[in-house]
Amino acid sequence: MPSLLVTNDFLPKVGGIQLSDAHLRHSGTLFAPAVYAGDNMDRISDMELVIGARKGDAGAFSALVDRYRVPALRFAYGIAGDEAEDAVQDAFVKAFGKLEGFRADAAFRPWLFTIVANEARNRRRAMSRRSKLELRVRGRAETPDAGADDLAVARDERRRLLDAVAALPDLHREVLALRFFAGLTENETAQVLSCPLGTAKSRLSRALDLLRGALDEEVSL
């Protein structure tokens, strides 16, 4: 039986998140930006950036956005399809407003993705008269040496996979999107879903079984 490999190539290309000046104001004063770029980013922890953002450093929060916007968009796309970018935009704005309540002993990534999940669910619920998501895959740029037949097959496989994911029950679609679209760990996935680790694992196993059944072939992750 052939194997359908699930990789980032199956996922939509995603853009950036823009926060307006109005989102970056505190007590009526625009935050003074700092520079976070290059190799320095790898040495700065999420908590350091959160502390900087709390102190009024817009650059610190922008660095958090840069760090997590792509996995957040990939995750949100698995839930809300073409509404993903708006959902993630709203999630980052809400996360910014809730930074003061973020606990120092908590992990930032699952905290952020809990907000992203809520916004994506809201967007999905707001979709009018849809029985399932209409996932339109933005095809990869065609390279000169790529055969037209190969590209057509790749696009068809991506479409089949994303349609199958979209048709999964909410619990199974979300756990799959968190683990394989966004790349969260099993522990982080359980935190975002507010369930025990064992429950998250069993949901993921069931999601993969359902996906294999829908595609009628093996799914390699």
C-alpha atoms as a PDB file:
ATOM      1  CA  MET A   1       0.000   0.000   0.000  1.00  0.00           C
ATOM      2  CA  PRO A   2       1.496   3.417  -0.938  1.00  0.00           C
ATOM      3  CA  SER A   3       2.436   5.881   1.754  1.00  0.00           C
ATOM      4  CA  LEU A   4       1.363   9.516   1.723  1.00  0.00           C
ATOM      5  CA  LEU A   5       4.031  11.540   3.495  1.00  0.00           C
ATOM      6  CA  VAL A   6       2.806  14.471   5.577  1.00  0.00           C
ATOM      7  CA  THR A   7       5.401  17.237   5.478  1.00  0.00           C
ATOM      8  CA  ASN A   8       5.458  21.034   5.510  1.00  0.00           C
ATOM      9  CA  ASP A   9       5.207  20.894   1.713  1.00  0.00           C
ATOM     10  CA  PHE A  10       1.538  20.013   2.181  1.00  0.00           C
ATOM     11  CA  LEU A  11       0.866  23.123   4.236  1.00  0.00           C
ATOM     12  CA  PRO A  12      -0.089  26.556   2.932  1.00  0.00           C
ATOM     13  CA  LYS A  13       2.482  29.281   2.534  1.00  0.00           C
ATOM     14  CA  VAL A  14       1.855  31.891   5.197  1.00  0.00           C
ATOM     15  CA  GLY A  15       2.502  35.575   5.442  1.00  0.00           C
ATOM     16  CA  GLY A  16       3.355  37.980   8.209  1.00  0.00           C
ATOM     17  CA  ILE A  17       1.363  39.495  11.037  1.00  0.00           C
ATOM     18  CA  GLN A  18       1.088  43.246  11.237  1.00  0.00           C
ATOM     19  CA  LEU A  19       0.250  44.931  14.530  1.00  0.00           C
ATOM     20  CA  SER A  20      -0.743  48.551  14.206  1.00  0.00           C
ATOM     21  CA  ASP A  21       0.550  51.294  16.482  1.00  0.00           C
ATOM     22  CA  ALA A  22      -2.788  51.179  18.269  1.00  0.00           C
ATOM     23  CA  HIS A  23      -2.054  47.617  19.343  1.00  0.00           C
ATOM     24  CA  LEU A  24       1.318  48.613  20.756  1.00  0.00           C
ATOM     25  CA  ARG A  25       0.235  51.390  23.083  1.00  0.00           C
ATOM     26  CA  HIS A  26       0.302  51.268  26.853  1.00  0.00           C
ATOM     27  CA  SER A  27      -1.189  54.010  29.037  1.00  0.00           C
ATOM     28  CA  GLY A  28      -1.472  56.172  25.940  1.00  0.00           C
ATOM     29  CA  THR A  29       2.240  56.014  25.106  1.00  0.00           C
ATOM     30  CA  LEU A  30       3.640  54.207  22.083  1.00  0.00           C
ATOM     31  CA  PHE A  31       6.207  51.610  23.100  1.00  0.00           C
ATOM     32  CA  ALA A  32       9.797  52.428  22.264  1.00  0.00           C
ATOM     33  CA  PRO A  33      11.098  49.628  20.004  1.00  0.00           C
ATOM     34  CA  ALA A  34      14.298  47.723  20.588  1.00  0.00           C
ATOM     35  CA  VAL A  35      16.277  45.683  18.090  1.00  0.00           C
ATOM     36  CA  TYR A  36      16.089  41.892  18.198  1.00  0.00           C
ATOM     37  CA  ALA A  37      17.691  40.375  15.159  1.00  0.00           C
ATOM     38  CA  GLY A  38      20.153  37.861  13.837  1.00  0.00           C
ATOM     39  CA  ASP A  39      21.982  35.458  16.097  1.00  0.00           C
ATOM     40  CA  ASN A  40      20.895  37.339  19.215  1.00  0.00           C
ATOM     41  CA  MET A  41      17.371  35.960  18.813  1.00  0.00           C
ATOM     42  CA  ASP A  42      18.552  32.422  19.461  1.00  0.00           C
ATOM     43  CA  ARG A  43      19.947  33.461  22.821  1.00  0.00           C
ATOM     44  CA  ILE A  44      16.903  35.367  24.048  1.00  0.00           C
ATOM     45  CA  SER A  45      14.265  33.314  25.862  1.00  0.00           C
ATOM     46  CA  ASP A  46      10.530  33.797  25.492  1.00  0.00           C
ATOM     47  CA  MET A  47      10.327  34.955  29.100  1.00  0.00           C
ATOM     48  CA  GLU A  48      12.972  37.625  28.533  1.00  0.00           C
ATOM     49  CA  LEU A  49      10.971  38.925  25.596  1.00  0.00           C
ATOM     50  CA  VAL A  50       7.750  38.845  27.639  1.00  0.00           C
ATOM     51  CA  ILE A  51       9.434  40.854  30.398  1.00  0.00           C
ATOM     52  CA  GLY A  52      10.708  43.344  27.839  1.00  0.00           C
ATOM     53  CA  ALA A  53       7.251  43.717  26.293  1.00  0.00           C
ATOM     54  CA  ARG A  54       5.740  44.288  29.739  1.00  0.00           C
ATOM     55  CA  LYS A  55       8.218  47.104  30.274  1.00  0.00           C
ATOM     56  CA  GLY A  56       7.077  48.839  27.117  1.00  0.00           C
ATOM     57  CA  ASP A  57       9.505  47.418  24.572  1.00  0.00           C
ATOM     58  CA  ALA A  58       7.572  46.986  21.321  1.00  0.00           C
ATOM     59  CA  GLY A  59      10.557  45.285  19.728  1.00  0.00           C
ATOM     60  CA  ALA A  60      10.357  42.490  22.290  1.00  0.00           C
ATOM     61  CA  PHE A  61       6.773  41.661  21.418  1.00  0.00           C
ATOM     62  CA  SER A  62       7.489  41.970  17.698  1.00  0.00           C
ATOM     63  CA  ALA A  63      10.254  39.393  18.214  1.00  0.00           C
ATOM     64  CA  LEU A  64       7.733  37.013  19.786  1.00  0.00           C
ATOM     65  CA  VAL A  65       5.443  37.534  16.804  1.00  0.00           C
ATOM     66  CA  ASP A  66       8.307  36.798  14.416  1.00  0.00           C
ATOM     67  CA  ARG A  67       9.234  33.686  16.386  1.00  0.00           C
ATOM     68  CA  TYR A  68       5.764  32.119  16.394  1.00  0.00           C
ATOM     69  CA  ARG A  69       3.738  33.556  13.503  1.00  0.00           C
ATOM     70  CA  VAL A  70       4.493  30.748  11.038  1.00  0.00           C
ATOM     71  CA  PRO A  71       3.617  27.781  13.306  1.00  0.00           C
ATOM     72  CA  ALA A  72       0.611  29.729  14.605  1.00  0.00           C
ATOM     73  CA  LEU A  73      -0.651  30.271  11.060  1.00  0.00           C
ATOM     74  CA  ARG A  74      -0.086  26.644  10.129  1.00  0.00           C
ATOM     75  CA  PHE A  75      -2.010  25.503  13.200  1.00  0.00           C
ATOM     76  CA  ALA A  76      -4.847  27.985  12.648  1.00  0.00           C
ATOM     77  CA  TYR A  77      -5.088  26.933   8.999  1.00  0.00           C
ATOM     78  CA  GLY A  78      -5.757  23.383  10.124  1.00  0.00           C
ATOM     79  CA  ILE A  79      -8.783  24.633  12.077  1.00  0.00           C
ATOM     80  CA  ALA A  80     -10.086  27.681  10.232  1.00  0.00           C
ATOM     81  CA  GLY A  81      -8.767  27.372   6.679  1.00  0.00           C
ATOM     82  CA  ASP A  82      -8.608  30.690   4.862  1.00  0.00           C
ATOM     83  CA  GLU A  83      -9.685  32.495   8.041  1.00  0.00           C
ATOM     84  CA  ALA A  84      -6.359  31.560   9.658  1.00  0.00           C
ATOM     85  CA  GLU A  85      -4.546  34.839   9.133  1.00  0.00           C
ATOM     86  CA  ASP A  86      -7.341  36.879  10.721  1.00  0.00           C
ATOM     87  CA  ALA A  87      -7.538  34.400  13.593  1.00  0.00           C
ATOM     88  CA  VAL A  88      -3.806  34.642  14.279  1.00  0.00           C
ATOM     89  CA  GLN A  89      -3.867  38.437  13.954  1.00  0.00           C
ATOM     90  CA  ASP A  90      -6.588  38.571  16.617  1.00  0.00           C
ATOM     91  CA  ALA A  91      -4.723  36.046  18.764  1.00  0.00           C
ATOM     92  CA  PHE A  92      -1.508  38.072  18.841  1.00  0.00           C
ATOM     93  CA  VAL A  93      -3.428  41.236  19.680  1.00  0.00           C
ATOM     94  CA  LYS A  94      -5.190  39.449  22.539  1.00  0.00           C
ATOM     95  CA  ALA A  95      -1.941  37.858  23.714  1.00  0.00           C
ATOM     96  CA  PHE A  96      -0.355  41.288  23.848  1.00  0.00           C
ATOM     97  CA  GLY A  97      -3.223  42.571  25.960  1.00  0.00           C
ATOM     98  CA  LYS A  98      -2.923  39.615  28.344  1.00  0.00           C
ATOM     99  CA  LEU A  99       0.840  39.699  28.900  1.00  0.00           C
ATOM    100  CA  GLU A 100       0.486  41.192  32.358  1.00  0.00           C
ATOM    101  CA  GLY A 101      -1.415  38.085  33.425  1.00  0.00           C
ATOM    102  CA  PHE A 102       1.125  35.642  31.996  1.00  0.00           C
ATOM    103  CA  ARG A 103       2.712  33.639  34.815  1.00  0.00           C
ATOM    104  CA  ALA A 104       6.492  33.639  35.093  1.00  0.00           C
ATOM    105  CA  ASP A 105       6.514  29.878  35.708  1.00  0.00           C
ATOM    106  CA  ALA A 106       4.466  29.089  32.590  1.00  0.00           C
ATOM    107  CA  ALA A 107       5.682  28.228  29.095  1.00  0.00           C
ATOM    108  CA  PHE A 108       4.875  30.931  26.560  1.00  0.00           C
ATOM    109  CA  ARG A 109       4.318  28.766  23.468  1.00  0.00           C
ATOM    110  CA  PRO A 110       1.422  26.635  24.771  1.00  0.00           C
ATOM    111  CA  TRP A 111      -0.067  29.732  26.419  1.00  0.00           C
ATOM    112  CA  LEU A 112      -0.001  31.555  23.072  1.00  0.00           C
ATOM    113  CA  PHE A 113      -1.350  28.588  21.138  1.00  0.00           C
ATOM    114  CA  THR A 114      -4.278  28.281  23.537  1.00  0.00           C
ATOM    115  CA  ILE A 115      -5.264  31.805  22.480  1.00  0.00           C
ATOM    116  CA  VAL A 116      -4.678  30.953  18.816  1.00  0.00           C
ATOM    117  CA  ALA A 117      -6.866  27.847  19.187  1.00  0.00           C
ATOM    118  CA  ASN A 118      -9.719  29.858  20.689  1.00  0.00           C
ATOM    119  CA  GLU A 119      -9.578  32.480  17.947  1.00  0.00           C
ATOM    120  CA  ALA A 120      -9.401  29.849  15.205  1.00  0.00           C
ATOM    121  CA  ARG A 121     -12.386  28.017  16.692  1.00  0.00           C
ATOM    122  CA  ASN A 122     -14.320  31.284  16.785  1.00  0.00           C
ATOM    123  CA  ARG A 123     -13.519  31.889  13.128  1.00  0.00           C
ATOM    124  CA  ARG A 124     -14.581  28.382  12.195  1.00  0.00           C
ATOM    125  CA  ARG A 125     -17.884  28.744  14.040  1.00  0.00           C
ATOM    126  CA  ALA A 126     -18.498  32.051  12.281  1.00  0.00           C
ATOM    127  CA  MET A 127     -18.239  30.524   8.829  1.00  0.00           C
ATOM    128  CA  SER A 128     -21.766  30.666   7.482  1.00  0.00           C
ATOM    129  CA  ARG A 129     -23.507  27.682   5.910  1.00  0.00           C
ATOM    130  CA  ARG A 130     -20.422  25.513   5.603  1.00  0.00           C
ATOM    131  CA  SER A 131     -20.585  21.845   6.468  1.00  0.00           C
ATOM    132  CA  LYS A 132     -16.816  21.605   6.268  1.00  0.00           C
ATOM    133  CA  LEU A 133     -13.851  23.816   5.617  1.00  0.00           C
ATOM    134  CA  GLU A 134     -13.029  24.791   2.067  1.00  0.00           C
ATOM    135  CA  LEU A 135      -9.260  24.546   2.158  1.00  0.00           C
ATOM    136  CA  ARG A 136      -7.669  26.093  -0.903  1.00  0.00           C
ATOM    137  CA  VAL A 137      -4.002  25.208  -1.051  1.00  0.00           C
ATOM    138  CA  ARG A 138      -1.663  27.871  -2.290  1.00  0.00           C
ATOM    139  CA  GLY A 139       0.583  25.950  -4.610  1.00  0.00           C
ATOM    140  CA  ARG A 140       4.320  26.163  -4.376  1.00  0.00           C
ATOM    141  CA  ALA A 141       6.144  28.154  -7.021  1.00  0.00           C
ATOM    142  CA  GLU A 142       6.937  25.921  -9.942  1.00  0.00           C
ATOM    143  CA  THR A 143      10.606  25.454 -10.620  1.00  0.00           C
ATOM    144  CA  PRO A 144      11.943  25.164 -14.182  1.00  0.00           C
ATOM    145  CA  ASP A 145      13.170  21.600 -13.658  1.00  0.00           C
ATOM    146  CA  ALA A 146       9.950  20.317 -12.113  1.00  0.00           C
ATOM    147  CA  GLY A 147       7.785  18.264 -14.412  1.00  0.00           C
ATOM    148  CA  ALA A 148       4.212  19.359 -14.895  1.00  0.00           C
ATOM    149  CA  ASP A 149       2.939  15.883 -14.057  1.00  0.00           C
ATOM    150  CA  ASP A 150       4.897  15.777 -10.796  1.00  0.00           C
ATOM    151  CA  LEU A 151       3.578  19.181  -9.763  1.00  0.00           C
ATOM    152  CA  ALA A 152       0.022  18.174 -10.574  1.00  0.00           C
ATOM    153  CA  VAL A 153       0.376  15.025  -8.463  1.00  0.00           C
ATOM    154  CA  ALA A 154       1.855  17.015  -5.571  1.00  0.00           C
ATOM    155  CA  ARG A 155      -0.974  19.553  -5.678  1.00  0.00           C
ATOM    156  CA  ASP A 156      -3.558  16.782  -5.793  1.00  0.00           C
ATOM    157  CA  GLU A 157      -1.992  15.024  -2.796  1.00  0.00           C
ATOM    158  CA  ARG A 158      -1.897  18.242  -0.776  1.00  0.00           C
ATOM    159  CA  ARG A 159      -5.529  18.920  -1.610  1.00  0.00           C
ATOM    160  CA  ARG A 160      -6.585  15.410  -0.639  1.00  0.00           C
ATOM    161  CA  LEU A 161      -4.702  15.556   2.638  1.00  0.00           C
ATOM    162  CA  LEU A 162      -5.992  18.957   3.705  1.00  0.00           C
ATOM    163  CA  ASP A 163      -9.560  18.093   2.714  1.00  0.00           C
ATOM    164  CA  ALA A 164      -9.284  14.915   4.797  1.00  0.00           C
ATOM    165  CA  VAL A 165      -7.927  16.854   7.786  1.00  0.00           C
ATOM    166  CA  ALA A 166     -10.698  19.441   7.444  1.00  0.00           C
ATOM    167  CA  ALA A 167     -13.331  16.709   7.569  1.00  0.00           C
ATOM    168  CA  LEU A 168     -12.074  15.252  10.867  1.00  0.00           C
ATOM    169  CA  PRO A 169     -14.023  15.884  14.088  1.00  0.00           C
ATOM    170  CA  ASP A 170     -12.866  19.031  15.892  1.00  0.00           C
ATOM    171  CA  LEU A 171     -10.895  17.261  18.643  1.00  0.00           C
ATOM    172  CA  HIS A 172      -8.966  15.127  16.194  1.00  0.00           C
ATOM    173  CA  ARG A 173      -8.332  17.916  13.692  1.00  0.00           C
ATOM    174  CA  GLU A 174      -6.965  20.196  16.397  1.00  0.00           C
ATOM    175  CA  VAL A 175      -4.571  17.674  17.923  1.00  0.00           C
ATOM    176  CA  LEU A 176      -3.250  16.811  14.465  1.00  0.00           C
ATOM    177  CA  ALA A 177      -2.768  20.485  13.580  1.00  0.00           C
ATOM    178  CA  LEU A 178      -0.953  21.191  16.845  1.00  0.00           C
ATOM    179  CA  ARG A 179       1.456  18.266  16.556  1.00  0.00           C
ATOM    180  CA  PHE A 180       2.207  18.217  12.850  1.00  0.00           C
ATOM    181  CA  PHE A 181       1.205  21.576  11.393  1.00  0.00           C
ATOM    182  CA  ALA A 182       2.561  23.713  14.233  1.00  0.00           C
ATOM    183  CA  GLY A 183       5.170  21.266  15.539  1.00  0.00           C
ATOM    184  CA  LEU A 184       4.286  21.405  19.231  1.00  0.00           C
ATOM    185  CA  THR A 185       5.514  18.674  21.550  1.00  0.00           C
ATOM    186  CA  GLU A 186       3.122  16.148  23.063  1.00  0.00           C
ATOM    187  CA  ASN A 187       3.246  17.953  26.419  1.00  0.00           C
ATOM    188  CA  GLU A 188       2.599  21.352  24.821  1.00  0.00           C
ATOM    189  CA  THR A 189      -0.255  19.902  22.786  1.00  0.00           C
ATOM    190  CA  ALA A 190      -1.863  18.550  25.963  1.00  0.00           C
ATOM    191  CA  GLN A 191      -1.496  21.967  27.621  1.00  0.00           C
ATOM    192  CA  VAL A 192      -3.159  23.777  24.725  1.00  0.00           C
ATOM    193  CA  LEU A 193      -6.013  21.276  24.660  1.00  0.00           C
ATOM    194  CA  SER A 194      -6.321  21.385  28.481  1.00  0.00           C
ATOM    195  CA  CYS A 195      -6.255  17.623  28.770  1.00  0.00           C
ATOM    196  CA  PRO A 196      -3.955  14.961  30.291  1.00  0.00           C
ATOM    197  CA  LEU A 197      -0.996  13.854  28.208  1.00  0.00           C
ATOM    198  CA  GLY A 198      -2.476  10.380  27.790  1.00  0.00           C
ATOM    199  CA  THR A 199      -5.684  11.862  26.413  1.00  0.00           C
ATOM    200  CA  ALA A 200      -3.770  13.959  23.893  1.00  0.00           C
ATOM    201  CA  LYS A 201      -1.840  10.877  22.758  1.00  0.00           C
ATOM    202  CA  SER A 202      -4.988   8.805  22.347  1.00  0.00           C
ATOM    203  CA  ARG A 203      -6.692  11.604  20.394  1.00  0.00           C
ATOM    204  CA  LEU A 204      -3.695  11.838  18.099  1.00  0.00           C
ATOM    205  CA  SER A 205      -3.643   8.094  17.531  1.00  0.00           C
ATOM    206  CA  ARG A 206      -7.347   8.136  16.719  1.00  0.00           C
ATOM    207  CA  ALA A 207      -6.892  11.150  14.421  1.00  0.00           C
ATOM    208  CA  LEU A 208      -4.224   9.313  12.444  1.00  0.00           C
ATOM    209  CA  ASP A 209      -6.442   6.240  12.190  1.00  0.00           C
ATOM    210  CA  LEU A 210      -9.299   8.361  10.869  1.00  0.00           C
ATOM    211  CA  LEU A 211      -6.992  10.116   8.430  1.00  0.00           C
ATOM    212  CA  ARG A 212      -5.624   6.830   7.129  1.00  0.00           C
ATOM    213  CA  GLY A 213      -9.170   5.557   6.679  1.00  0.00           C
ATOM    214  CA  ALA A 214     -10.236   8.704   4.843  1.00  0.00           C
ATOM    215  CA  LEU A 215      -7.248   8.520   2.502  1.00  0.00           C
ATOM    216  CA  ASP A 216      -7.362   4.726   2.219  1.00  0.00           C
ATOM    217  CA  GLU A 217      -3.588   4.565   2.513  1.00  0.00           C
ATOM    218  CA  GLU A 218      -0.783   4.843   5.027  1.00  0.00           C
ATOM    219  CA  VAL A 219       0.096   8.256   6.435  1.00  0.00           C
ATOM    220  CA  SER A 220       3.747   8.726   7.426  1.00  0.00           C
ATOM    221  CA  LEU A 221       4.602  11.481   9.902  1.00  0.00           C
END
